[in-house]
PDB file of all heavy atoms in Angstrom:
ATOM      1  N   SER A   1     -46.664-128.421  -2.877  1.00  0.00           N
ATOM      2  CA  SER A   1     -45.602-127.864  -2.063  1.00  0.00           C
ATOM      3  C   SER A   1     -45.101-126.572  -2.685  1.00  0.00           C
ATOM      4  O   SER A   1     -45.153-126.379  -3.895  1.00  0.00           O
ATOM      5  CB  SER A   1     -44.454-128.875  -1.945  1.00  0.00           C
ATOM      6  OG  SER A   1     -43.332-128.283  -1.362  1.00  0.00           O
ATOM      7  N   SER A   2     -44.561-125.672  -1.877  1.00  0.00           N
ATOM      8  CA  SER A   2     -44.023-124.420  -2.401  1.00  0.00           C
ATOM      9  C   SER A   2     -42.685-124.616  -3.086  1.00  0.00           C
ATOM     10  O   SER A   2     -42.184-123.730  -3.754  1.00  0.00           O
ATOM     11  CB  SER A   2     -43.858-123.413  -1.245  1.00  0.00           C
ATOM     12  OG  SER A   2     -42.986-123.941  -0.266  1.00  0.00           O
ATOM     13  N   THR A   3     -42.094-125.797  -2.898  1.00  0.00           N
ATOM     14  CA  THR A   3     -40.802-126.072  -3.528  1.00  0.00           C
ATOM     15  C   THR A   3     -41.023-126.591  -4.925  1.00  0.00           C
ATOM     16  O   THR A   3     -41.729-127.576  -5.120  1.00  0.00           O
ATOM     17  CB  THR A   3     -40.018-127.125  -2.718  1.00  0.00           C
ATOM     18  OG1 THR A   3     -39.875-126.651  -1.385  1.00  0.00           O
ATOM     19  CG2 THR A   3     -38.654-127.363  -3.356  1.00  0.00           C
ATOM     20  N   PRO A   4     -40.466-125.965  -5.971  1.00  0.00           N
ATOM     21  CA  PRO A   4     -40.683-126.435  -7.344  1.00  0.00           C
ATOM     22  C   PRO A   4     -40.058-127.796  -7.544  1.00  0.00           C
ATOM     23  O   PRO A   4     -39.068-128.146  -6.916  1.00  0.00           O
ATOM     24  CB  PRO A   4     -39.982-125.364  -8.187  1.00  0.00           C
ATOM     25  CG  PRO A   4     -38.960-124.753  -7.275  1.00  0.00           C
ATOM     26  CD  PRO A   4     -39.576-124.798  -5.902  1.00  0.00           C
ATOM     27  N   SER A   5     -40.651-128.575  -8.454  1.00  0.00           N
ATOM     28  CA  SER A   5     -40.105-129.897  -8.730  1.00  0.00           C
ATOM     29  C   SER A   5     -38.841-129.768  -9.553  1.00  0.00           C
ATOM     30  O   SER A   5     -38.612-128.792 -10.247  1.00  0.00           O
ATOM     31  CB  SER A   5     -41.149-130.739  -9.493  1.00  0.00           C
ATOM     32  OG  SER A   5     -41.474-130.103 -10.714  1.00  0.00           O
ATOM     33  N   GLU A   6     -38.002-130.799  -9.446  1.00  0.00           N
ATOM     34  CA  GLU A   6     -36.761-130.815 -10.208  1.00  0.00           C
ATOM     35  C   GLU A   6     -37.082-130.979 -11.690  1.00  0.00           C
ATOM     36  O   GLU A   6     -38.060-131.638 -12.064  1.00  0.00           O
ATOM     37  CB  GLU A   6     -35.881-131.979  -9.735  1.00  0.00           C
ATOM     38  CG  GLU A   6     -35.389-131.811  -8.307  1.00  0.00           C
ATOM     39  CD  GLU A   6     -34.434-130.651  -8.171  1.00  0.00           C
ATOM     40  OE1 GLU A   6     -33.728-130.327  -9.155  1.00  0.00           O
ATOM     41  OE2 GLU A   6     -34.379-130.048  -7.099  1.00  0.00           O
ATOM     42  N   PRO A   7     -36.262-130.418 -12.575  1.00  0.00           N
ATOM     43  CA  PRO A   7     -36.497-130.584 -14.007  1.00  0.00           C
ATOM     44  C   PRO A   7     -36.527-132.053 -14.377  1.00  0.00           C
ATOM     45  O   PRO A   7     -35.629-132.804 -14.021  1.00  0.00           O
ATOM     46  CB  PRO A   7     -35.289-129.871 -14.647  1.00  0.00           C
ATOM     47  CG  PRO A   7     -34.823-128.904 -13.600  1.00  0.00           C
ATOM     48  CD  PRO A   7     -35.109-129.574 -12.287  1.00  0.00           C
ATOM     49  N   GLY A   8     -37.584-132.442 -15.068  1.00  0.00           N
ATOM     50  CA  GLY A   8     -37.699-133.821 -15.524  1.00  0.00           C
ATOM     51  C   GLY A   8     -38.181-134.764 -14.457  1.00  0.00           C
ATOM     52  O   GLY A   8     -38.359-135.944 -14.696  1.00  0.00           O
ATOM     53  N   GLY A   9     -38.370-134.279 -13.220  1.00  0.00           N
ATOM     54  CA  GLY A   9     -38.785-135.146 -12.130  1.00  0.00           C
ATOM     55  C   GLY A   9     -40.279-135.139 -11.971  1.00  0.00           C
ATOM     56  O   GLY A   9     -41.011-134.480 -12.704  1.00  0.00           O
ATOM     57  N   PRO A  10     -40.794-135.888 -10.979  1.00  0.00           N
ATOM     58  CA  PRO A  10     -42.225-135.950 -10.744  1.00  0.00           C
ATOM     59  C   PRO A  10     -42.779-134.576 -10.417  1.00  0.00           C
ATOM     60  O   PRO A  10     -42.125-133.759  -9.772  1.00  0.00           O
ATOM     61  CB  PRO A  10     -42.331-136.907  -9.547  1.00  0.00           C
ATOM     62  CG  PRO A  10     -41.072-137.692  -9.589  1.00  0.00           C
ATOM     63  CD  PRO A  10     -40.022-136.754 -10.105  1.00  0.00           C
ATOM     64  N   SER A  11     -43.992-134.314 -10.854  1.00  0.00           N
ATOM     65  CA  SER A  11     -44.615-133.023 -10.610  1.00  0.00           C
ATOM     66  C   SER A  11     -45.139-132.901  -9.196  1.00  0.00           C
ATOM     67  O   SER A  11     -45.464-131.821  -8.742  1.00  0.00           O
ATOM     68  CB  SER A  11     -45.762-132.809 -11.600  1.00  0.00           C
ATOM     69  OG  SER A  11     -46.723-133.835 -11.463  1.00  0.00           O
ATOM     70  N   ALA A  12     -45.231-134.010  -8.500  1.00  0.00           N
ATOM     71  CA  ALA A  12     -45.680-133.991  -7.107  1.00  0.00           C
ATOM     72  C   ALA A  12     -44.660-134.706  -6.258  1.00  0.00           C
ATOM     73  O   ALA A  12     -43.868-135.497  -6.735  1.00  0.00           O
ATOM     74  CB  ALA A  12     -47.041-134.687  -6.977  1.00  0.00           C
ATOM     75  N   THR A  13     -44.673-134.383  -4.965  1.00  0.00           N
ATOM     76  CA  THR A  13     -43.747-135.023  -4.052  1.00  0.00           C
ATOM     77  C   THR A  13     -43.966-136.527  -4.085  1.00  0.00           C
ATOM     78  O   THR A  13     -45.104-136.986  -3.997  1.00  0.00           O
ATOM     79  CB  THR A  13     -43.981-134.509  -2.616  1.00  0.00           C
ATOM     80  OG1 THR A  13     -43.853-133.100  -2.628  1.00  0.00           O
ATOM     81  CG2 THR A  13     -42.986-135.136  -1.659  1.00  0.00           C
ATOM     82  N   PRO A  14     -42.892-137.346  -4.209  1.00  0.00           N
ATOM     83  CA  PRO A  14     -43.069-138.794  -4.247  1.00  0.00           C
ATOM     84  C   PRO A  14     -43.852-139.257  -3.042  1.00  0.00           C
ATOM     85  O   PRO A  14     -43.586-138.856  -1.913  1.00  0.00           O
ATOM     86  CB  PRO A  14     -41.623-139.319  -4.231  1.00  0.00           C
ATOM     87  CG  PRO A  14     -40.829-138.209  -4.816  1.00  0.00           C
ATOM     88  CD  PRO A  14     -41.508-136.948  -4.343  1.00  0.00           C
ATOM     89  N   GLY A  15     -44.797-140.166  -3.248  1.00  0.00           N
ATOM     90  CA  GLY A  15     -45.573-140.698  -2.153  1.00  0.00           C
ATOM     91  C   GLY A  15     -46.780-139.866  -1.822  1.00  0.00           C
ATOM     92  O   GLY A  15     -47.589-140.256  -0.997  1.00  0.00           O
ATOM     93  N   ARG A  16     -46.939-138.691  -2.456  1.00  0.00           N
ATOM     94  CA  ARG A  16     -48.065-137.810  -2.145  1.00  0.00           C
ATOM     95  C   ARG A  16     -49.300-138.253  -2.896  1.00  0.00           C
ATOM     96  O   ARG A  16     -49.268-138.443  -4.099  1.00  0.00           O
ATOM     97  CB  ARG A  16     -47.714-136.372  -2.505  1.00  0.00           C
ATOM     98  CG  ARG A  16     -48.915-135.426  -2.418  1.00  0.00           C
ATOM     99  CD  ARG A  16     -48.486-133.993  -2.547  1.00  0.00           C
ATOM    100  NE  ARG A  16     -47.657-133.610  -1.428  1.00  0.00           N
ATOM    101  CZ  ARG A  16     -47.047-132.436  -1.361  1.00  0.00           C
ATOM    102  NH1 ARG A  16     -47.150-131.565  -2.333  1.00  0.00           N
ATOM    103  NH2 ARG A  16     -46.293-132.146  -0.311  1.00  0.00           N
ATOM    104  N   ALA A  17     -50.412-138.431  -2.196  1.00  0.00           N
ATOM    105  CA  ALA A  17     -51.661-138.768  -2.841  1.00  0.00           C
ATOM    106  C   ALA A  17     -52.195-137.535  -3.537  1.00  0.00           C
ATOM    107  O   ALA A  17     -52.211-136.451  -2.978  1.00  0.00           O
ATOM    108  CB  ALA A  17     -52.654-139.267  -1.794  1.00  0.00           C
ATOM    109  N   ARG A  18     -52.653-137.674  -4.775  1.00  0.00           N
ATOM    110  CA  ARG A  18     -53.058-136.519  -5.560  1.00  0.00           C
ATOM    111  C   ARG A  18     -54.547-136.232  -5.460  1.00  0.00           C
ATOM    112  O   ARG A  18     -54.997-135.147  -5.761  1.00  0.00           O
ATOM    113  CB  ARG A  18     -52.677-136.739  -7.020  1.00  0.00           C
ATOM    114  CG  ARG A  18     -51.171-136.786  -7.233  1.00  0.00           C
ATOM    115  CD  ARG A  18     -50.856-136.938  -8.694  1.00  0.00           C
ATOM    116  NE  ARG A  18     -49.407-136.866  -8.915  1.00  0.00           N
ATOM    117  CZ  ARG A  18     -48.851-136.952 -10.094  1.00  0.00           C
ATOM    118  NH1 ARG A  18     -49.588-137.107 -11.179  1.00  0.00           N
ATOM    119  NH2 ARG A  18     -47.548-136.879 -10.230  1.00  0.00           N
ATOM    120  N   GLY A  19     -55.354-137.188  -5.117  1.00  0.00           N
ATOM    121  CA  GLY A  19     -56.773-136.927  -5.044  1.00  0.00           C
ATOM    122  C   GLY A  19     -57.544-138.222  -4.922  1.00  0.00           C
ATOM    123  O   GLY A  19     -57.038-139.288  -5.164  1.00  0.00           O
ATOM    124  N   GLY A  20     -58.809-138.098  -4.530  1.00  0.00           N
ATOM    125  CA  GLY A  20     -59.646-139.267  -4.382  1.00  0.00           C
ATOM    126  C   GLY A  20     -59.838-139.613  -2.923  1.00  0.00           C
ATOM    127  O   GLY A  20     -59.358-138.920  -2.032  1.00  0.00           O
ATOM    128  N   SER A  21     -60.565-140.684  -2.673  1.00  0.00           N
ATOM    129  CA  SER A  21     -60.856-141.118  -1.314  1.00  0.00           C
ATOM    130  C   SER A  21     -60.319-142.517  -1.108  1.00  0.00           C
ATOM    131  O   SER A  21     -60.651-143.432  -1.861  1.00  0.00           O
ATOM    132  CB  SER A  21     -62.367-141.082  -1.062  1.00  0.00           C
ATOM    133  OG  SER A  21     -62.665-141.466   0.257  1.00  0.00           O
ATOM    134  N   VAL A  22     -59.464-142.688  -0.125  1.00  0.00           N
ATOM    135  CA  VAL A  22     -58.849-143.973   0.180  1.00  0.00           C
ATOM    136  C   VAL A  22     -59.102-144.289   1.646  1.00  0.00           C
ATOM    137  O   VAL A  22     -58.844-143.466   2.526  1.00  0.00           O
ATOM    138  CB  VAL A  22     -57.327-143.942  -0.088  1.00  0.00           C
ATOM    139  CG1 VAL A  22     -56.706-145.277   0.282  1.00  0.00           C
ATOM    140  CG2 VAL A  22     -57.047-143.607  -1.540  1.00  0.00           C
ATOM    141  N   ARG A  23     -59.624-145.468   1.935  1.00  0.00           N
ATOM    142  CA  ARG A  23     -59.879-145.890   3.311  1.00  0.00           C
ATOM    143  C   ARG A  23     -58.542-146.127   4.008  1.00  0.00           C
ATOM    144  O   ARG A  23     -57.733-146.924   3.539  1.00  0.00           O
ATOM    145  CB  ARG A  23     -60.724-147.156   3.310  1.00  0.00           C
ATOM    146  CG  ARG A  23     -61.255-147.556   4.685  1.00  0.00           C
ATOM    147  CD  ARG A  23     -62.220-148.728   4.539  1.00  0.00           C
ATOM    148  NE  ARG A  23     -62.754-149.156   5.819  1.00  0.00           N
ATOM    149  CZ  ARG A  23     -63.770-148.576   6.439  1.00  0.00           C
ATOM    150  NH1 ARG A  23     -64.364-147.534   5.864  1.00  0.00           N
ATOM    151  NH2 ARG A  23     -64.204-149.019   7.597  1.00  0.00           N
ATOM    152  N   SER A  24     -58.322-145.448   5.120  1.00  0.00           N
ATOM    153  CA  SER A  24     -57.016-145.505   5.772  1.00  0.00           C
ATOM    154  C   SER A  24     -57.174-145.456   7.278  1.00  0.00           C
ATOM    155  O   SER A  24     -58.260-145.216   7.817  1.00  0.00           O
ATOM    156  CB  SER A  24     -56.144-144.330   5.308  1.00  0.00           C
ATOM    157  OG  SER A  24     -56.743-143.104   5.680  1.00  0.00           O
ATOM    158  N   GLU A  25     -56.053-145.695   7.979  1.00  0.00           N
ATOM    159  CA  GLU A  25     -56.025-145.580   9.429  1.00  0.00           C
ATOM    160  C   GLU A  25     -54.655-145.104   9.872  1.00  0.00           C
ATOM    161  O   GLU A  25     -53.652-145.312   9.183  1.00  0.00           O
ATOM    162  CB  GLU A  25     -56.350-146.920  10.099  1.00  0.00           C
ATOM    163  CG  GLU A  25     -55.331-148.017   9.823  1.00  0.00           C
ATOM    164  CD  GLU A  25     -55.606-149.281  10.609  1.00  0.00           C
ATOM    165  OE1 GLU A  25     -56.266-149.180  11.668  1.00  0.00           O
ATOM    166  OE2 GLU A  25     -55.170-150.363  10.181  1.00  0.00           O
ATOM    167  N   ILE A  26     -54.615-144.425  11.011  1.00  0.00           N
ATOM    168  CA  ILE A  26     -53.360-143.988  11.618  1.00  0.00           C
ATOM    169  C   ILE A  26     -53.041-144.947  12.763  1.00  0.00           C
ATOM    170  O   ILE A  26     -53.862-145.145  13.662  1.00  0.00           O
ATOM    171  CB  ILE A  26     -53.473-142.545  12.137  1.00  0.00           C
ATOM    172  CG1 ILE A  26     -53.763-141.582  10.976  1.00  0.00           C
ATOM    173  CG2 ILE A  26     -52.188-142.133  12.853  1.00  0.00           C
ATOM    174  CD1 ILE A  26     -54.007-140.155  11.416  1.00  0.00           C
ATOM    175  N   ARG A  27     -51.854-145.546  12.731  1.00  0.00           N
ATOM    176  CA  ARG A  27     -51.470-146.529  13.740  1.00  0.00           C
ATOM    177  C   ARG A  27     -49.954-146.593  13.841  1.00  0.00           C
ATOM    178  O   ARG A  27     -49.236-145.917  13.100  1.00  0.00           O
ATOM    179  CB  ARG A  27     -52.036-147.905  13.389  1.00  0.00           C
ATOM    180  CG  ARG A  27     -51.574-148.427  12.044  1.00  0.00           C
ATOM    181  CD  ARG A  27     -51.823-149.911  11.929  1.00  0.00           C
ATOM    182  NE  ARG A  27     -51.577-150.428  10.605  1.00  0.00           N
ATOM    183  CZ  ARG A  27     -50.368-150.634  10.087  1.00  0.00           C
ATOM    184  NH1 ARG A  27     -49.291-150.328  10.784  1.00  0.00           N
ATOM    185  NH2 ARG A  27     -50.231-151.137   8.862  1.00  0.00           N
ATOM    186  N   GLN A  28     -49.478-147.413  14.764  1.00  0.00           N
ATOM    187  CA  GLN A  28     -48.055-147.647  14.921  1.00  0.00           C
ATOM    188  C   GLN A  28     -47.536-148.449  13.741  1.00  0.00           C
ATOM    189  O   GLN A  28     -48.178-149.399  13.282  1.00  0.00           O
ATOM    190  CB  GLN A  28     -47.776-148.417  16.217  1.00  0.00           C
ATOM    191  CG  GLN A  28     -46.315-148.778  16.456  1.00  0.00           C
ATOM    192  CD  GLN A  28     -45.440-147.558  16.671  1.00  0.00           C
ATOM    193  OE1 GLN A  28     -45.910-146.556  17.189  1.00  0.00           O
ATOM    194  NE2 GLN A  28     -44.186-147.641  16.268  1.00  0.00           N
ATOM    195  N   GLY A  29     -46.373-148.073  13.187  1.00  0.00           N
ATOM    196  CA  GLY A  29     -45.793-148.801  12.072  1.00  0.00           C
ATOM    197  C   GLY A  29     -45.384-150.213  12.462  1.00  0.00           C
ATOM    198  O   GLY A  29     -45.096-150.506  13.630  1.00  0.00           O
ATOM    199  N   LYS A  30     -45.343-151.105  11.493  1.00  0.00           N
ATOM    200  CA  LYS A  30     -44.991-152.494  11.764  1.00  0.00           C
ATOM    201  C   LYS A  30     -43.489-152.694  11.940  1.00  0.00           C
ATOM    202  O   LYS A  30     -43.048-153.686  12.505  1.00  0.00           O
ATOM    203  CB  LYS A  30     -45.512-153.384  10.625  1.00  0.00           C
ATOM    204  CG  LYS A  30     -47.029-153.458  10.586  1.00  0.00           C
ATOM    205  CD  LYS A  30     -47.519-154.431   9.529  1.00  0.00           C
ATOM    206  CE  LYS A  30     -49.040-154.538   9.558  1.00  0.00           C
ATOM    207  NZ  LYS A  30     -49.561-155.479   8.529  1.00  0.00           N
ATOM    208  N   THR A  31     -42.683-151.741  11.434  1.00  0.00           N
ATOM    209  CA  THR A  31     -41.238-151.791  11.651  1.00  0.00           C
ATOM    210  C   THR A  31     -40.910-151.135  12.981  1.00  0.00           C
ATOM    211  O   THR A  31     -41.423-150.059  13.281  1.00  0.00           O
ATOM    212  CB  THR A  31     -40.496-151.070  10.514  1.00  0.00           C
ATOM    213  OG1 THR A  31     -40.856-151.669   9.264  1.00  0.00           O
ATOM    214  CG2 THR A  31     -38.991-151.148  10.706  1.00  0.00           C
ATOM    215  N   ALA A  32     -40.043-151.765  13.760  1.00  0.00           N
ATOM    216  CA  ALA A  32     -39.796-151.313  15.125  1.00  0.00           C
ATOM    217  C   ALA A  32     -39.300-149.874  15.205  1.00  0.00           C
ATOM    218  O   ALA A  32     -39.602-149.157  16.157  1.00  0.00           O
ATOM    219  CB  ALA A  32     -38.790-152.256  15.794  1.00  0.00           C
ATOM    220  N   THR A  33     -38.535-149.424  14.226  1.00  0.00           N
ATOM    221  CA  THR A  33     -37.932-148.087  14.284  1.00  0.00           C
ATOM    222  C   THR A  33     -38.780-147.017  13.608  1.00  0.00           C
ATOM    223  O   THR A  33     -38.337-145.889  13.436  1.00  0.00           O
ATOM    224  CB  THR A  33     -36.535-148.115  13.631  1.00  0.00           C
ATOM    225  OG1 THR A  33     -36.656-148.616  12.292  1.00  0.00           O
ATOM    226  CG2 THR A  33     -35.587-149.007  14.421  1.00  0.00           C
ATOM    227  N   VAL A  34     -39.995-147.370  13.212  1.00  0.00           N
ATOM    228  CA  VAL A  34     -40.912-146.411  12.593  1.00  0.00           C
ATOM    229  C   VAL A  34     -42.011-146.057  13.592  1.00  0.00           C
ATOM    230  O   VAL A  34     -42.521-146.923  14.291  1.00  0.00           O
ATOM    231  CB  VAL A  34     -41.547-147.003  11.310  1.00  0.00           C
ATOM    232  CG1 VAL A  34     -42.628-146.087  10.760  1.00  0.00           C
ATOM    233  CG2 VAL A  34     -40.469-147.221  10.260  1.00  0.00           C
ATOM    234  N   GLY A  35     -42.372-144.781  13.656  1.00  0.00           N
ATOM    235  CA  GLY A  35     -43.407-144.343  14.584  1.00  0.00           C
ATOM    236  C   GLY A  35     -44.797-144.490  13.991  1.00  0.00           C
ATOM    237  O   GLY A  35     -45.155-145.528  13.442  1.00  0.00           O
ATOM    238  N   GLN A  36     -45.588-143.420  14.084  1.00  0.00           N
ATOM    239  CA  GLN A  36     -46.944-143.429  13.562  1.00  0.00           C
ATOM    240  C   GLN A  36     -46.933-143.439  12.032  1.00  0.00           C
ATOM    241  O   GLN A  36     -46.104-142.783  11.398  1.00  0.00           O
ATOM    242  CB  GLN A  36     -47.710-142.196  14.051  1.00  0.00           C
ATOM    243  CG  GLN A  36     -47.985-142.204  15.551  1.00  0.00           C
ATOM    244  CD  GLN A  36     -49.098-143.190  15.910  1.00  0.00           C
ATOM    245  OE1 GLN A  36     -50.228-143.037  15.474  1.00  0.00           O
ATOM    246  NE2 GLN A  36     -48.766-144.186  16.717  1.00  0.00           N
ATOM    247  N   VAL A  37     -47.867-144.181  11.442  1.00  0.00           N
ATOM    248  CA  VAL A  37     -47.979-144.268   9.993  1.00  0.00           C
ATOM    249  C   VAL A  37     -49.437-144.070   9.586  1.00  0.00           C
ATOM    250  O   VAL A  37     -50.351-144.235  10.392  1.00  0.00           O
ATOM    251  CB  VAL A  37     -47.483-145.637   9.452  1.00  0.00           C
ATOM    252  CG1 VAL A  37     -46.058-145.897   9.865  1.00  0.00           C
ATOM    253  CG2 VAL A  37     -48.392-146.772   9.923  1.00  0.00           C
ATOM    254  N   VAL A  38     -49.625-143.688   8.327  1.00  0.00           N
ATOM    255  CA  VAL A  38     -50.943-143.736   7.697  1.00  0.00           C
ATOM    256  C   VAL A  38     -50.963-145.009   6.862  1.00  0.00           C
ATOM    257  O   VAL A  38     -50.145-145.183   5.958  1.00  0.00           O
ATOM    258  CB  VAL A  38     -51.201-142.509   6.802  1.00  0.00           C
ATOM    259  CG1 VAL A  38     -52.547-142.635   6.103  1.00  0.00           C
ATOM    260  CG2 VAL A  38     -51.154-141.231   7.624  1.00  0.00           C
ATOM    261  N   ALA A  39     -51.869-145.936   7.185  1.00  0.00           N
ATOM    262  CA  ALA A  39     -51.911-147.243   6.534  1.00  0.00           C
ATOM    263  C   ALA A  39     -53.165-147.371   5.683  1.00  0.00           C
ATOM    264  O   ALA A  39     -54.250-146.959   6.092  1.00  0.00           O
ATOM    265  CB  ALA A  39     -51.862-148.356   7.575  1.00  0.00           C
ATOM    266  N   PHE A  40     -52.997-147.926   4.481  1.00  0.00           N
ATOM    267  CA  PHE A  40     -54.127-148.166   3.594  1.00  0.00           C
ATOM    268  C   PHE A  40     -53.736-149.272   2.631  1.00  0.00           C
ATOM    269  O   PHE A  40     -52.613-149.762   2.650  1.00  0.00           O
ATOM    270  CB  PHE A  40     -54.518-146.890   2.827  1.00  0.00           C
ATOM    271  CG  PHE A  40     -53.401-146.294   2.016  1.00  0.00           C
ATOM    272  CD1 PHE A  40     -53.247-146.609   0.678  1.00  0.00           C
ATOM    273  CD2 PHE A  40     -52.489-145.424   2.607  1.00  0.00           C
ATOM    274  CE1 PHE A  40     -52.209-146.061  -0.065  1.00  0.00           C
ATOM    275  CE2 PHE A  40     -51.451-144.869   1.870  1.00  0.00           C
ATOM    276  CZ  PHE A  40     -51.319-145.194   0.531  1.00  0.00           C
ATOM    277  N   LYS A  41     -54.672-149.698   1.786  1.00  0.00           N
ATOM    278  CA  LYS A  41     -54.426-150.789   0.850  1.00  0.00           C
ATOM    279  C   LYS A  41     -54.647-150.332  -0.582  1.00  0.00           C
ATOM    280  O   LYS A  41     -55.496-149.490  -0.851  1.00  0.00           O
ATOM    281  CB  LYS A  41     -55.337-151.977   1.161  1.00  0.00           C
ATOM    282  CG  LYS A  41     -55.030-152.636   2.498  1.00  0.00           C
ATOM    283  CD  LYS A  41     -55.925-153.841   2.746  1.00  0.00           C
ATOM    284  CE  LYS A  41     -55.574-154.512   4.086  1.00  0.00           C
ATOM    285  NZ  LYS A  41     -56.442-155.683   4.338  1.00  0.00           N
ATOM    286  N   ASP A  42     -53.859-150.924  -1.509  1.00  0.00           N
ATOM    287  CA  ASP A  42     -54.053-150.629  -2.921  1.00  0.00           C
ATOM    288  C   ASP A  42     -55.113-151.583  -3.485  1.00  0.00           C
ATOM    289  O   ASP A  42     -55.630-152.431  -2.751  1.00  0.00           O
ATOM    290  CB  ASP A  42     -52.717-150.696  -3.677  1.00  0.00           C
ATOM    291  CG  ASP A  42     -52.216-152.110  -3.913  1.00  0.00           C
ATOM    292  OD1 ASP A  42     -52.872-153.070  -3.463  1.00  0.00           O
ATOM    293  OD2 ASP A  42     -51.151-152.269  -4.541  1.00  0.00           O
ATOM    294  N   PRO A  43     -55.480-151.455  -4.759  1.00  0.00           N
ATOM    295  CA  PRO A  43     -56.580-152.260  -5.303  1.00  0.00           C
ATOM    296  C   PRO A  43     -56.394-153.768  -5.221  1.00  0.00           C
ATOM    297  O   PRO A  43     -57.367-154.504  -5.284  1.00  0.00           O
ATOM    298  CB  PRO A  43     -56.665-151.797  -6.760  1.00  0.00           C
ATOM    299  CG  PRO A  43     -56.197-150.390  -6.734  1.00  0.00           C
ATOM    300  CD  PRO A  43     -55.082-150.395  -5.730  1.00  0.00           C
ATOM    301  N   LYS A  44     -55.164-154.276  -5.092  1.00  0.00           N
ATOM    302  CA  LYS A  44     -54.977-155.716  -4.982  1.00  0.00           C
ATOM    303  C   LYS A  44     -54.860-156.184  -3.541  1.00  0.00           C
ATOM    304  O   LYS A  44     -54.594-157.362  -3.286  1.00  0.00           O
ATOM    305  CB  LYS A  44     -53.759-156.166  -5.782  1.00  0.00           C
ATOM    306  CG  LYS A  44     -52.460-155.573  -5.347  1.00  0.00           C
ATOM    307  CD  LYS A  44     -51.320-156.149  -6.168  1.00  0.00           C
ATOM    308  CE  LYS A  44     -50.040-155.376  -6.013  1.00  0.00           C
ATOM    309  NZ  LYS A  44     -49.765-154.872  -4.678  1.00  0.00           N
TER     310      LYS A  44
END
């Protein structure tokens, strides 16, 4: 992002994937008040 990180904070935007390939899908969120989501699974 063009916005610098806060001092002492994470170097990347929280929740941002930094690299690699993850199997995912775009679908409606499971919570009623959430719209479209990117869904994927972690190693467990």
